[in-house]
Amino acid sequence: MGIAVQRLDLARGFEGRAALLAGKVGEIPGSTGKIGNFVLGRAFLPRAGKLRMADHELHPRDVEDPLRAVRIDKRDSLKALGVDPYPYSFERTHEAAALDHRYGGLAPGAETEDLVRVAGRIRAMRNSGMFIDLHDASGKIQIFCHWDLLGPEALKLVRLLDIGDVIGVEGLIRRTPRGELTVNAQAITVLAKALRPLPEKYHGLADVELRYRQRYLDLIMNPQSRETLRRRSRIIAAVRHFLTELGYLEVETPMMHTIPGGASAKPFITHHNALDLDLYLRIAPELHLKRLVIGGLADKVFEINRNFRNEGISPRHNPEFTMLELYEAYVDCTAMMELTEKLISAAAETVLGSLRIAYGGTEIDLSPPWPRRGMAELVHSATGVDFLALETAAAREAAARVGAVLTGTENWGQALEAAFAARVEDTLIQPVHVTGFPRDISPLAKADRQDPRLVERFETYIYGWEITNAFSELNDPEDQRGRFEAQMRARAAGDEEAQPLDEDYVTALEYGLPPCGGLGIGIDRLVMLLTDSPSIRDVIAFPTLRPR
């Protein structure tokens, strides 16, 4: 038998699958050691814990993965022919989509004398490699490999190709009688010999966990995954273009902080060896961005930034995430509401061509203006409880009655927020700005002009998710110090997410921060909405996963 390995069943089931995955239609091997048109021609010989195939040894993992062993042998056969299976470069003239566009009017059966050079990954092989479907980042082109065009030496190379290999092709353009745009191959160059087979074409990569762990396979197999991440790039580009056209200056701020600030969150901690200093991965860029406004770098600044929060993982939360944060001098949060509506609608219009989007089977209308509703007002409508009429103890009791999960130590603002999360948040499907946030949970926002228990802050909700968070920024240094001190007391009482006192930021405020509006937008959630993706893991190329 051509393959003889102890402890492995390599009978017709495996060998037939090997032939199928290799894209061959030849003989299913039996005792001849033949897989399709590729003859192994030698036996595996056990030797000191390894297997030996002719002139090279196989690692034990190749015993467990015989398909990989077959491909390794083909790679070595390429080398024996003097072919480098991993060359340095290949100069191509066209992508598949460009050829499709250029020759869109070419009639069925027509041939040309136009010489092209294309490159991509083999995704299908028919008639023992006579027809190859070659995919690049733009699309697909068919390759025709024939004796008359290639000659016997090149056909030896074709017989060593597998689905998944990356190749370059030079040849003439034609359209088959059936209408398929085709390159008549005159020369083929192996660019990367794939040592592992792709998942079966008709089943794809169905394991969702594997899609996230091996994103490269997911992208090869699933056009939707490629389109989602490409659309993400276009959304970010649209956001950046929108802001720069309005005169915003893009800046960069540190990702390692000596004091974690700018948000209520638990940070990741790292250590700088040379300085013998603990540092915190950024939970928000807010305080550094406002320092830039104080310094007069620009009246409008923004950063598209990576943040890190040591919190739970869910379909809407990843410990590492992307956020847009911006600040504009001489405006308040009302201007930020208008900016939010214009920015999100502009991104949708640019990327999707419409302000009516579908998410999870629900139609959402992003057309401005969006309604503005107070947090306490929404809770009152949903529960009949008027939190504005309650003191702290009564607010805690009321929140518990309406289904909020509490620890029993919540202040008035935390009780209101918990009731909102329990009874209102998930019902906010169409875009809405939720205003009137409690001062207790908003240490960086200016006080409301009518009710000192509230602040000038809003969050925008779409499909039950917080998409944006914005303030009229607190610029009174004494008030800011008092808010930080209240946070420090909460921290001492066990609140790990309370913000510590940043003395340097208070010092910066003492030099004068102009009246200022600030806005943060969760890019990942925005991309989820505009790509109809059910999980944040679908829109992050490499989401955080527990090691296997």
Protein backbone atom coordinates (compact mmCIF):
# COMPACT_ATOMS: atom_id res chain seq x y z
CA MET A 1 0.00 0.00 0.00
CA GLY A 2 1.33 3.46 -0.88
CA ILE A 3 0.73 4.77 2.66
CA ALA A 4 1.42 2.39 5.52
CA VAL A 5 1.21 4.04 8.94
CA GLN A 6 0.52 2.23 12.22
CA ARG A 7 -2.40 3.47 14.35
CA LEU A 8 -4.04 5.35 11.50
CA ASP A 9 -6.89 4.30 9.27
CA LEU A 10 -5.80 5.53 5.86
CA ALA A 11 -8.14 3.41 3.81
CA ARG A 12 -10.43 4.65 1.09
CA GLY A 13 -12.31 7.07 3.34
CA PHE A 14 -9.30 9.26 4.05
CA GLU A 15 -7.72 8.81 0.65
CA GLY A 16 -10.92 9.71 -1.16
CA ARG A 17 -11.20 12.83 0.98
CA ALA A 18 -7.58 13.65 0.24
CA ALA A 19 -8.30 13.40 -3.46
CA LEU A 20 -11.39 15.58 -3.08
CA LEU A 21 -9.53 18.23 -1.05
CA ALA A 22 -6.67 18.19 -3.53
CA GLY A 23 -9.16 19.09 -6.22
CA LYS A 24 -8.44 15.93 -8.22
CA VAL A 25 -10.93 13.71 -10.00
CA GLY A 26 -8.61 10.82 -10.78
CA GLU A 27 -8.41 7.37 -9.29
CA ILE A 28 -9.28 6.90 -5.63
CA PRO A 29 -6.20 5.14 -4.26
CA GLY A 30 -6.12 1.60 -3.13
CA SER A 31 -2.92 -0.37 -3.13
CA THR A 32 -1.12 1.69 -5.75
CA GLY A 33 -0.32 4.68 -3.59
CA LYS A 34 -1.97 6.98 -6.11
CA ILE A 35 -4.03 10.03 -5.15
CA GLY A 36 -5.72 11.44 -8.21
CA ASN A 37 -2.96 12.19 -10.67
CA PHE A 38 -0.29 12.43 -7.97
CA VAL A 39 1.68 9.26 -7.27
CA LEU A 40 3.25 9.07 -3.84
CA GLY A 41 5.54 6.33 -5.09
CA ARG A 42 7.13 5.64 -1.71
CA ALA A 43 6.12 4.35 1.69
CA PHE A 44 6.09 5.89 5.12
CA LEU A 45 8.71 4.10 7.19
CA PRO A 46 8.53 4.25 11.01
CA ARG A 47 11.82 5.43 12.49
CA ALA A 48 12.59 6.50 16.06
CA GLY A 49 9.25 8.14 16.74
CA LYS A 50 9.10 9.88 13.37
CA LEU A 51 8.03 8.93 9.91
CA ARG A 52 10.31 9.12 6.94
CA MET A 53 9.16 9.84 3.42
CA ALA A 54 12.02 9.38 0.99
CA ASP A 55 14.55 12.15 1.59
CA HIS A 56 12.90 13.94 4.54
CA GLU A 57 11.59 13.04 7.96
CA LEU A 58 8.06 13.75 9.11
CA HIS A 59 7.25 15.14 12.49
CA PRO A 60 4.72 13.13 14.56
CA ARG A 61 2.13 15.84 13.87
CA ASP A 62 2.29 14.79 10.21
CA VAL A 63 1.36 11.26 11.24
CA GLU A 64 -1.72 12.69 12.90
CA ASP A 65 -2.43 14.88 9.85
CA PRO A 66 -1.81 12.73 6.76
CA LEU A 67 -3.25 15.37 4.44
CA ARG A 68 -0.46 17.67 5.53
CA ALA A 69 2.06 14.92 4.88
CA VAL A 70 0.85 14.59 1.29
CA ARG A 71 1.27 18.33 0.75
CA ILE A 72 4.74 18.32 2.28
CA ASP A 73 5.73 15.64 -0.18
CA LYS A 74 4.39 17.78 -3.04
CA ARG A 75 6.36 20.73 -1.77
CA ASP A 76 9.52 18.64 -1.79
CA SER A 77 8.71 17.42 -5.28
CA LEU A 78 8.51 21.05 -6.38
CA LYS A 79 11.95 21.65 -4.93
CA ALA A 80 13.22 18.58 -6.78
CA LEU A 81 12.01 20.20 -9.99
CA GLY A 82 14.04 23.31 -9.14
CA VAL A 83 10.95 25.29 -8.16
CA ASP A 84 11.12 27.59 -5.11
CA PRO A 85 7.71 27.11 -3.41
CA TYR A 86 8.09 30.42 -1.55
CA PRO A 87 9.66 33.01 -3.92
CA TYR A 88 10.24 36.66 -3.09
CA SER A 89 7.81 38.42 -5.42
CA PHE A 90 5.59 38.26 -8.49
CA GLU A 91 4.82 41.25 -10.67
CA ARG A 92 1.16 41.21 -11.65
CA THR A 93 -0.58 43.48 -14.12
CA HIS A 94 -4.20 43.19 -13.02
CA GLU A 95 -6.54 42.13 -10.25
CA ALA A 96 -9.46 39.88 -11.13
CA ALA A 97 -12.06 42.63 -10.75
CA ALA A 98 -10.09 44.95 -13.04
CA LEU A 99 -10.01 42.28 -15.75
CA ASP A 100 -13.71 41.63 -15.34
CA HIS A 101 -14.42 45.33 -15.76
CA ARG A 102 -12.03 45.81 -18.68
CA TYR A 103 -13.30 42.81 -20.65
CA GLY A 104 -16.95 43.03 -19.65
CA GLY A 105 -17.93 43.42 -23.31
CA LEU A 106 -15.88 40.49 -24.60
CA ALA A 107 -18.23 38.08 -26.38
CA PRO A 108 -18.50 34.37 -25.50
CA GLY A 109 -15.93 32.39 -27.47
CA ALA A 110 -13.80 35.47 -28.21
CA GLU A 111 -10.02 35.36 -27.79
CA THR A 112 -7.47 38.17 -27.45
CA GLU A 113 -3.73 38.64 -27.75
CA ASP A 114 -3.67 40.58 -24.46
CA LEU A 115 -1.02 39.21 -22.12
CA VAL A 116 -1.84 39.56 -18.40
CA ARG A 117 -0.24 38.47 -15.14
CA VAL A 118 -2.54 37.63 -12.24
CA ALA A 119 -1.98 36.14 -8.80
CA GLY A 120 -4.16 34.67 -6.08
CA ARG A 121 -5.23 31.59 -4.15
CA ILE A 122 -6.54 28.41 -5.80
CA ARG A 123 -10.09 27.83 -4.60
CA ALA A 124 -11.19 25.12 -7.04
CA MET A 125 -9.63 22.73 -9.56
CA ARG A 126 -11.47 20.74 -12.24
CA ASN A 127 -10.49 18.18 -14.84
CA SER A 128 -7.23 17.29 -13.09
CA GLY A 129 -6.17 20.92 -12.88
CA MET A 130 -7.10 21.91 -16.43
CA PHE A 131 -9.44 24.56 -14.98
CA ILE A 132 -8.49 26.51 -11.87
CA ASP A 133 -10.57 29.11 -10.03
CA LEU A 134 -8.10 31.73 -8.82
CA HIS A 135 -9.28 34.18 -6.17
CA ASP A 136 -7.59 37.44 -5.21
CA ALA A 137 -8.77 40.20 -2.90
CA SER A 138 -11.00 41.65 -5.63
CA GLY A 139 -12.71 38.54 -7.00
CA LYS A 140 -12.25 35.42 -9.15
CA ILE A 141 -10.67 34.65 -12.52
CA GLN A 142 -10.62 31.25 -14.26
CA ILE A 143 -7.28 29.79 -15.36
CA PHE A 144 -7.04 27.33 -18.27
CA CYS A 145 -4.05 24.95 -18.14
CA HIS A 146 -3.45 22.88 -21.27
CA TRP A 147 -0.57 20.84 -22.72
CA ASP A 148 -0.55 22.90 -25.92
CA LEU A 149 -0.01 26.12 -23.98
CA LEU A 150 2.15 25.05 -21.04
CA GLY A 151 4.18 22.08 -22.19
CA PRO A 152 5.17 18.97 -20.24
CA GLU A 153 7.46 20.61 -17.65
CA ALA A 154 4.87 23.17 -16.56
CA LEU A 155 2.21 20.47 -16.41
CA LYS A 156 4.38 18.59 -13.91
CA LEU A 157 4.10 21.66 -11.71
CA VAL A 158 0.32 21.86 -12.19
CA ARG A 159 -0.02 18.28 -10.97
CA LEU A 160 1.68 19.30 -7.72
CA LEU A 161 -0.81 22.11 -7.03
CA ASP A 162 -3.57 21.91 -4.42
CA ILE A 163 -6.57 23.94 -3.44
CA GLY A 164 -5.28 26.67 -1.15
CA ASP A 165 -1.97 27.20 -2.95
CA VAL A 166 -1.06 30.75 -3.96
CA ILE A 167 0.13 31.02 -7.55
CA GLY A 168 0.94 33.57 -10.23
CA VAL A 169 -0.21 33.09 -13.82
CA GLU A 170 0.85 34.69 -17.09
CA GLY A 171 -1.31 34.20 -20.16
CA LEU A 172 -3.77 35.49 -22.73
CA ILE A 173 -7.29 36.67 -21.98
CA ARG A 174 -10.28 34.97 -23.60
CA ARG A 175 -13.91 34.28 -22.84
CA THR A 176 -15.09 30.68 -23.01
CA PRO A 177 -18.11 29.70 -25.11
CA ARG A 178 -20.00 29.42 -21.82
CA GLY A 179 -19.14 33.04 -20.98
CA GLU A 180 -16.41 32.59 -18.36
CA LEU A 181 -13.59 35.14 -18.50
CA THR A 182 -10.42 33.05 -18.59
CA VAL A 183 -6.64 33.35 -18.71
CA ASN A 184 -5.03 30.80 -21.04
CA ALA A 185 -1.99 30.03 -18.91
CA GLN A 186 1.40 30.21 -20.61
CA ALA A 187 3.42 30.19 -17.40
CA ILE A 188 2.60 29.34 -13.79
CA THR A 189 4.63 30.39 -10.74
CA VAL A 190 4.13 28.83 -7.31
CA LEU A 191 4.07 31.70 -4.80
CA ALA A 192 3.16 29.84 -1.59
CA LYS A 193 2.63 26.12 -1.28
CA ALA A 194 -0.14 25.55 1.26
CA LEU A 195 0.72 22.73 3.66
CA ARG A 196 -2.76 22.46 5.16
CA PRO A 197 -6.03 21.89 3.29
CA LEU A 198 -8.81 24.44 3.45
CA PRO A 199 -12.15 23.47 5.01
CA GLU A 200 -14.47 21.72 2.59
CA LYS A 201 -16.01 24.16 0.13
CA TYR A 202 -19.63 23.25 0.69
CA HIS A 203 -19.47 23.19 4.49
CA GLY A 204 -17.14 26.15 4.92
CA LEU A 205 -15.86 27.16 8.32
CA ALA A 206 -18.98 26.48 10.37
CA ASP A 207 -17.33 26.47 13.82
CA VAL A 208 -17.86 30.04 15.07
CA GLU A 209 -15.17 29.74 17.74
CA LEU A 210 -12.68 28.54 15.11
CA ARG A 211 -13.61 31.49 12.88
CA TYR A 212 -12.46 33.88 15.60
CA ARG A 213 -9.36 31.89 16.57
CA GLN A 214 -8.19 31.35 13.01
CA ARG A 215 -9.41 34.53 11.38
CA TYR A 216 -7.16 33.93 8.38
CA LEU A 217 -9.18 30.79 7.54
CA ASP A 218 -12.43 32.64 8.15
CA LEU A 219 -11.39 35.36 5.71
CA ILE A 220 -10.34 32.83 3.06
CA MET A 221 -13.59 30.90 3.29
CA ASN A 222 -16.26 33.51 4.10
CA PRO A 223 -16.89 36.46 1.76
CA GLN A 224 -19.18 38.01 4.39
CA SER A 225 -16.36 38.16 6.92
CA ARG A 226 -14.13 39.90 4.40
CA GLU A 227 -16.86 42.40 3.54
CA THR A 228 -17.55 43.14 7.22
CA LEU A 229 -13.93 44.04 7.98
CA ARG A 230 -13.58 45.99 4.74
CA ARG A 231 -16.73 47.94 5.59
CA ARG A 232 -15.26 48.63 9.02
CA SER A 233 -12.29 50.27 7.31
CA ARG A 234 -14.60 52.37 5.13
CA ILE A 235 -16.67 53.45 8.15
CA ILE A 236 -13.57 54.63 10.02
CA ALA A 237 -12.33 56.41 6.89
CA ALA A 238 -15.73 58.13 6.53
CA VAL A 239 -15.66 59.26 10.18
CA ARG A 240 -12.12 60.61 9.81
CA HIS A 241 -12.98 62.45 6.57
CA PHE A 242 -16.13 63.96 8.10
CA LEU A 243 -14.22 65.39 11.06
CA THR A 244 -11.22 66.69 9.15
CA GLU A 245 -13.57 68.46 6.73
CA LEU A 246 -15.06 70.25 9.76
CA GLY A 247 -11.62 71.44 10.83
CA TYR A 248 -10.90 68.88 13.56
CA LEU A 249 -7.24 68.05 14.16
CA GLU A 250 -6.41 64.37 14.56
CA VAL A 251 -4.01 63.77 17.45
CA GLU A 252 -2.41 60.90 19.37
CA THR A 253 -2.24 60.52 23.13
CA PRO A 254 -0.48 57.96 25.37
CA MET A 255 -1.73 54.40 25.69
CA MET A 256 0.11 53.86 28.98
CA HIS A 257 -0.94 56.08 31.89
CA THR A 258 0.46 56.57 35.37
CA ILE A 259 -3.09 57.24 36.60
CA PRO A 260 -6.10 55.52 34.97
CA GLY A 261 -8.71 58.18 34.22
CA GLY A 262 -11.29 59.55 31.84
CA ALA A 263 -13.84 56.79 32.48
CA SER A 264 -15.22 54.59 35.21
CA ALA A 265 -13.58 51.25 34.47
CA LYS A 266 -11.11 48.73 35.84
CA PRO A 267 -7.73 49.02 34.05
CA PHE A 268 -5.11 46.54 32.96
CA ILE A 269 -1.80 47.00 34.78
CA THR A 270 1.68 46.61 33.29
CA HIS A 271 5.18 47.41 34.52
CA HIS A 272 7.97 49.51 33.05
CA ASN A 273 11.20 47.77 34.03
CA ALA A 274 13.65 50.62 33.38
CA LEU A 275 11.62 53.08 35.46
CA ASP A 276 10.45 50.41 37.93
CA LEU A 277 6.98 51.89 37.48
CA ASP A 278 3.52 50.38 37.30
CA LEU A 279 1.53 51.74 34.36
CA TYR A 280 -2.10 51.36 33.30
CA LEU A 281 -3.29 50.64 29.79
CA ARG A 282 -5.53 53.45 28.64
CA ILE A 283 -9.21 53.18 29.59
CA ALA A 284 -9.99 56.51 27.86
CA PRO A 285 -8.01 59.34 26.24
CA GLU A 286 -10.24 62.09 27.66
CA LEU A 287 -7.95 63.84 30.12
CA HIS A 288 -5.02 64.01 27.71
CA LEU A 289 -7.19 65.33 24.88
CA LYS A 290 -8.54 68.11 27.09
CA ARG A 291 -4.98 69.00 28.09
CA LEU A 292 -4.33 69.61 24.37
CA VAL A 293 -7.33 71.95 24.18
CA ILE A 294 -6.08 73.79 27.29
CA GLY A 295 -2.69 74.16 25.61
CA GLY A 296 -4.26 75.72 22.53
CA LEU A 297 -3.06 73.06 20.08
CA ALA A 298 -6.46 73.34 18.38
CA ASP A 299 -10.02 74.25 19.29
CA LYS A 300 -11.23 70.97 17.76
CA VAL A 301 -9.32 67.72 18.36
CA PHE A 302 -10.13 64.05 17.88
CA GLU A 303 -8.50 60.67 18.29
CA ILE A 304 -9.56 57.27 16.98
CA ASN A 305 -8.03 55.24 19.75
CA ARG A 306 -7.63 51.81 21.27
CA ASN A 307 -8.82 51.45 24.84
CA PHE A 308 -8.42 48.58 27.30
CA ARG A 309 -10.82 47.76 30.13
CA ASN A 310 -10.41 44.79 32.43
CA GLU A 311 -14.06 43.86 32.36
CA GLY A 312 -16.32 41.09 31.12
CA ILE A 313 -16.71 39.78 27.59
CA SER A 314 -20.09 39.72 25.86
CA PRO A 315 -21.55 40.10 22.35
CA ARG A 316 -21.15 43.88 22.86
CA HIS A 317 -17.98 44.01 24.96
CA ASN A 318 -14.35 43.20 24.19
CA PRO A 319 -11.56 44.13 26.64
CA GLU A 320 -9.69 45.87 23.80
CA PHE A 321 -11.88 48.16 21.72
CA THR A 322 -11.80 51.18 19.42
CA MET A 323 -13.36 54.52 20.23
CA LEU A 324 -13.64 57.93 18.65
CA GLU A 325 -13.22 60.71 21.18
CA LEU A 326 -13.36 64.41 20.29
CA TYR A 327 -13.48 67.82 21.97
CA GLU A 328 -14.56 71.19 20.66
CA ALA A 329 -14.01 74.49 22.48
CA TYR A 330 -16.77 77.09 23.00
CA VAL A 331 -19.72 74.69 22.60
CA ASP A 332 -21.78 72.52 24.95
CA CYS A 333 -23.34 69.06 24.73
CA THR A 334 -26.24 70.37 22.61
CA ALA A 335 -23.75 70.92 19.79
CA MET A 336 -22.44 67.39 20.40
CA MET A 337 -25.96 66.00 19.83
CA GLU A 338 -26.15 67.66 16.44
CA LEU A 339 -22.63 66.50 15.60
CA THR A 340 -23.50 62.92 16.60
CA GLU A 341 -26.50 62.84 14.28
CA LYS A 342 -24.59 64.31 11.35
CA LEU A 343 -21.54 62.10 11.82
CA ILE A 344 -23.39 58.76 12.14
CA SER A 345 -25.81 59.56 9.32
CA ALA A 346 -22.89 60.66 7.10
CA ALA A 347 -21.06 57.37 7.78
CA ALA A 348 -24.18 55.35 6.96
CA GLU A 349 -24.86 57.35 3.79
CA THR A 350 -21.25 57.01 2.64
CA VAL A 351 -20.90 53.30 3.30
CA LEU A 352 -24.46 52.03 2.72
CA GLY A 353 -25.98 54.73 0.57
CA SER A 354 -29.03 54.97 2.84
CA LEU A 355 -30.14 56.20 6.26
CA ARG A 356 -32.53 53.27 6.62
CA ILE A 357 -30.60 50.26 7.83
CA ALA A 358 -31.61 46.75 8.86
CA TYR A 359 -30.24 45.22 12.03
CA GLY A 360 -31.32 41.79 13.23
CA GLY A 361 -34.40 41.99 11.02
CA THR A 362 -35.42 45.38 12.44
CA GLU A 363 -35.46 48.50 10.29
CA ILE A 364 -33.76 51.49 11.90
CA ASP A 365 -34.12 55.03 10.58
CA LEU A 366 -31.03 57.15 11.15
CA SER A 367 -32.53 60.31 9.63
CA PRO A 368 -31.92 63.34 11.92
CA PRO A 369 -33.09 64.85 14.15
CA TRP A 370 -33.32 62.21 16.87
CA PRO A 371 -35.58 62.59 19.94
CA ARG A 372 -34.18 63.72 23.30
CA ARG A 373 -35.54 62.15 26.49
CA GLY A 374 -34.45 62.49 30.11
CA MET A 375 -33.27 59.36 31.95
CA ALA A 376 -35.64 59.91 34.87
CA GLU A 377 -38.48 60.68 32.45
CA LEU A 378 -37.93 57.39 30.59
CA VAL A 379 -37.80 55.41 33.84
CA HIS A 380 -40.99 57.12 35.03
CA SER A 381 -42.77 56.20 31.79
CA ALA A 382 -41.64 52.57 32.04
CA THR A 383 -42.19 51.96 35.75
CA GLY A 384 -44.43 54.71 37.13
CA VAL A 385 -41.67 55.64 39.60
CA ASP A 386 -40.51 59.28 39.70
CA PHE A 387 -36.92 59.06 40.90
CA LEU A 388 -36.61 62.85 40.89
CA ALA A 389 -39.05 62.86 43.83
CA LEU A 390 -37.05 60.32 45.87
CA GLU A 391 -34.10 60.50 48.22
CA THR A 392 -31.29 57.95 48.20
CA ALA A 393 -32.78 55.20 50.40
CA ALA A 394 -36.17 55.36 48.70
CA ALA A 395 -34.48 55.38 45.29
CA ARG A 396 -32.62 52.17 46.14
CA GLU A 397 -35.84 50.50 47.27
CA ALA A 398 -37.67 51.62 44.13
CA ALA A 399 -34.89 50.39 41.87
CA ALA A 400 -34.96 46.98 43.53
CA ARG A 401 -38.77 46.81 43.13
CA VAL A 402 -38.57 47.42 39.39
CA GLY A 403 -36.02 44.64 38.87
CA ALA A 404 -32.60 46.31 39.18
CA VAL A 405 -29.80 44.19 40.63
CA LEU A 406 -28.25 46.14 43.51
CA THR A 407 -25.56 45.66 46.14
CA GLY A 408 -27.34 47.84 48.70
CA THR A 409 -24.66 50.55 48.75
CA GLU A 410 -25.78 52.50 45.69
CA ASN A 411 -26.17 56.25 45.87
CA TRP A 412 -29.15 58.05 44.31
CA GLY A 413 -27.61 58.34 40.88
CA GLN A 414 -26.50 54.72 40.77
CA ALA A 415 -30.00 53.59 41.75
CA LEU A 416 -31.55 55.63 38.94
CA GLU A 417 -29.01 54.28 36.45
CA ALA A 418 -29.68 50.69 37.58
CA ALA A 419 -33.44 51.14 37.11
CA PHE A 420 -32.82 52.60 33.65
CA ALA A 421 -30.61 49.64 32.69
CA ALA A 422 -33.18 47.13 33.98
CA ARG A 423 -36.35 48.57 32.46
CA VAL A 424 -35.57 51.03 29.69
CA GLU A 425 -32.26 50.48 27.92
CA ASP A 426 -33.24 47.43 25.84
CA THR A 427 -36.42 49.15 24.59
CA LEU A 428 -34.60 52.04 22.88
CA ILE A 429 -34.53 50.63 19.35
CA GLN A 430 -34.72 53.77 17.21
CA PRO A 431 -32.04 56.43 17.77
CA VAL A 432 -32.61 58.56 20.87
CA HIS A 433 -30.46 60.89 22.99
CA VAL A 434 -30.89 60.09 26.69
CA THR A 435 -30.18 63.23 28.75
CA GLY A 436 -30.22 64.22 32.41
CA PHE A 437 -27.63 61.81 33.79
CA PRO A 438 -27.02 61.78 37.55
CA ARG A 439 -24.11 63.82 38.86
CA ASP A 440 -23.15 60.88 41.08
CA ILE A 441 -22.00 58.84 38.06
CA SER A 442 -20.65 61.70 35.92
CA PRO A 443 -17.53 63.17 37.55
CA LEU A 444 -16.30 64.96 34.40
CA ALA A 445 -19.50 66.73 33.26
CA LYS A 446 -20.83 70.20 34.13
CA ALA A 447 -23.84 70.42 36.45
CA ASP A 448 -27.30 70.70 34.94
CA ARG A 449 -28.46 74.32 34.85
CA GLN A 450 -31.79 73.53 36.55
CA ASP A 451 -31.18 70.47 38.76
CA PRO A 452 -27.88 70.16 40.66
CA ARG A 453 -28.36 66.39 41.03
CA LEU A 454 -27.99 66.03 37.26
CA VAL A 455 -25.34 66.95 34.73
CA GLU A 456 -25.26 68.09 31.12
CA ARG A 457 -24.57 64.68 29.63
CA PHE A 458 -26.26 62.47 27.11
CA GLU A 459 -25.86 58.97 25.74
CA THR A 460 -27.22 58.01 22.33
CA TYR A 461 -28.97 54.65 22.15
CA ILE A 462 -29.70 52.60 19.04
CA TYR A 463 -31.11 49.06 19.14
CA GLY A 464 -30.85 49.11 22.92
CA TRP A 465 -27.13 49.88 22.91
CA GLU A 466 -25.19 52.88 24.09
CA ILE A 467 -23.46 54.16 20.96
CA THR A 468 -22.23 57.57 22.15
CA ASN A 469 -21.49 59.38 25.40
CA ALA A 470 -21.11 63.17 25.53
CA PHE A 471 -20.74 66.00 28.06
CA SER A 472 -20.65 69.69 28.53
CA GLU A 473 -17.15 69.30 29.93
CA LEU A 474 -16.49 70.32 33.52
CA ASN A 475 -13.90 73.13 33.48
CA ASP A 476 -14.11 74.48 37.05
CA PRO A 477 -10.94 73.14 38.77
CA GLU A 478 -12.38 73.34 42.29
CA ASP A 479 -15.56 71.52 41.28
CA GLN A 480 -13.44 68.93 39.45
CA ARG A 481 -11.29 68.36 42.53
CA GLY A 482 -14.41 67.87 44.63
CA ARG A 483 -15.78 65.32 42.14
CA PHE A 484 -12.49 63.43 42.13
CA GLU A 485 -12.45 63.38 45.94
CA ALA A 486 -15.96 61.94 45.98
CA GLN A 487 -14.77 59.27 43.55
CA MET A 488 -11.81 58.51 45.80
CA ARG A 489 -14.16 57.99 48.75
CA ALA A 490 -16.18 55.56 46.64
CA ARG A 491 -12.97 53.83 45.66
CA ALA A 492 -11.95 53.47 49.30
CA ALA A 493 -15.37 51.94 49.98
CA GLY A 494 -14.72 49.21 47.41
CA ASP A 495 -15.75 50.67 44.02
CA GLU A 496 -12.89 49.47 41.79
CA GLU A 497 -14.19 51.49 38.83
CA ALA A 498 -14.27 54.85 40.61
CA GLN A 499 -11.85 57.36 39.13
CA PRO A 500 -8.70 58.33 41.09
CA LEU A 501 -7.61 61.90 41.66
CA ASP A 502 -5.39 63.18 38.84
CA GLU A 503 -3.57 66.14 40.37
CA ASP A 504 -1.86 67.12 37.12
CA TYR A 505 -5.20 67.29 35.31
CA VAL A 506 -6.62 69.55 38.00
CA THR A 507 -3.49 71.70 37.68
CA ALA A 508 -4.06 71.89 33.91
CA LEU A 509 -7.65 73.04 34.51
CA GLU A 510 -6.32 75.84 36.70
CA TYR A 511 -4.68 77.29 33.60
CA GLY A 512 -8.12 77.51 32.00
CA LEU A 513 -10.11 75.08 29.82
CA PRO A 514 -12.53 76.98 27.54
CA PRO A 515 -16.19 75.97 27.61
CA CYS A 516 -16.03 72.66 25.83
CA GLY A 517 -18.20 69.90 24.42
CA GLY A 518 -16.86 66.33 24.37
CA LEU A 519 -18.10 63.22 22.55
CA GLY A 520 -17.14 59.55 22.53
CA ILE A 521 -18.45 57.03 19.99
CA GLY A 522 -17.92 53.28 20.22
CA ILE A 523 -16.56 52.42 16.79
CA ASP A 524 -17.03 48.66 17.21
CA ARG A 525 -20.72 48.99 18.05
CA LEU A 526 -21.24 51.47 15.22
CA VAL A 527 -19.65 48.97 12.83
CA MET A 528 -21.89 46.22 14.23
CA LEU A 529 -24.94 48.32 13.39
CA LEU A 530 -23.79 49.25 9.90
CA THR A 531 -22.79 45.67 9.03
CA ASP A 532 -25.72 43.85 10.70
CA SER A 533 -23.25 41.85 12.80
CA PRO A 534 -24.66 40.04 15.87
CA SER A 535 -21.42 40.04 17.89
CA ILE A 536 -18.60 42.47 18.49
CA ARG A 537 -16.26 39.57 17.68
CA ASP A 538 -17.51 39.69 14.09
CA VAL A 539 -16.24 43.25 13.59
CA ILE A 540 -12.88 42.94 15.38
CA ALA A 541 -10.32 41.05 13.32
CA PHE A 542 -8.72 39.37 16.33
CA PRO A 543 -11.05 39.48 19.36
CA THR A 544 -9.87 38.50 22.83
CA LEU A 545 -10.36 34.75 23.46
CA ARG A 546 -9.50 32.38 26.25
CA PRO A 547 -6.47 30.25 25.28
CA ARG A 548 -7.27 26.66 24.50
